[in-house]
Amino acid sequence: MKKLILTLVVCLSVLGAFAQDAVQLKNDGNAALKAKDYKTAIVHLENYLRTPEASADIKTVYNVGYAAAKVKDYAKSVIYFDKAIAAKYKLSSSYLRKATAQKKLKKYDEMVATLKAGMAAVPAKNAKLAKTLAKHYLIQGQKAQQASKFDAAEKSYKEAIAVKSAMKTDAIVSLGSLYFGEGAKIQAAANPLANTEKAKFAIEIAKAKSFYKKAVAQYTKAKTLAPAREDIDSLLNKVKAVL
């Protein structure tokens, strides 16, 4: 009986020591996190997460994901934010931080999928997720436009417009400018034909005008959404003058 009691005492002492170690690891990790010593924080907190006491500590899981992003270990950051998402912890923030890490890894398709999943998971609190997604499409559209890839640019701008976000007006203006630029390009190429190939000139000018009209339609939509923006007035006046 005495041996049994002694064994229990020893076991409890060991468990108590392990519990104290876990608390110390967590405290040290949080202190390092507060001091912005992210590498040290990751070491302590990951060791803490391996202990039984940390089995339900999803806040620390989130914190490790955050610290990993700070030291540019984006692959690890994604792993921990995935765990936070699975536990439905700070869903909007977890999805956004995961998407940001995926962007840093240049995994753009995965980033888009993460943002869309986050928007669906937190429909009432997805403004930042939506803005990030729309901004991504907008930037892709601008890159395509600069590379003279009209169809790709148009597709990206339309995708940005389809997202309900604070970027909607900018995306509409960008689509309008794409159309205006395309019309100007067609007109510039057609102008030398004005006196030599009048029939062809007329056809090309009609094409140019069709794009100018599309530009007017987009700028008008943008003006409805943002009536105080003077730059849209300027763009509208410019394209109408050409027409």
Foldseek 3Di string as FASTA:
>chain_A
DVVVVVVVVVVVVVVVVLVVLLVVLQVQLVVCVVVLVLVSNLVSLVVSCPDPVNVPVLVSLQSNLVSCVVVLVLVSNLVSLVVCVVVVHPLQVSLQSNLVSCVSVVVNVVSLVSLVVSCVVCVPPNQVSLVVNLVVLQVQLVVCVVVVNLVSNLVSLVVSCPRPYPCNLVSLLSNLVSLLVVLVVLLVVLVVCVPPPVVVSVVSNVSSVVSLVSSLVSLVVSCVVPVPDVVSVVVNVVSVVVD
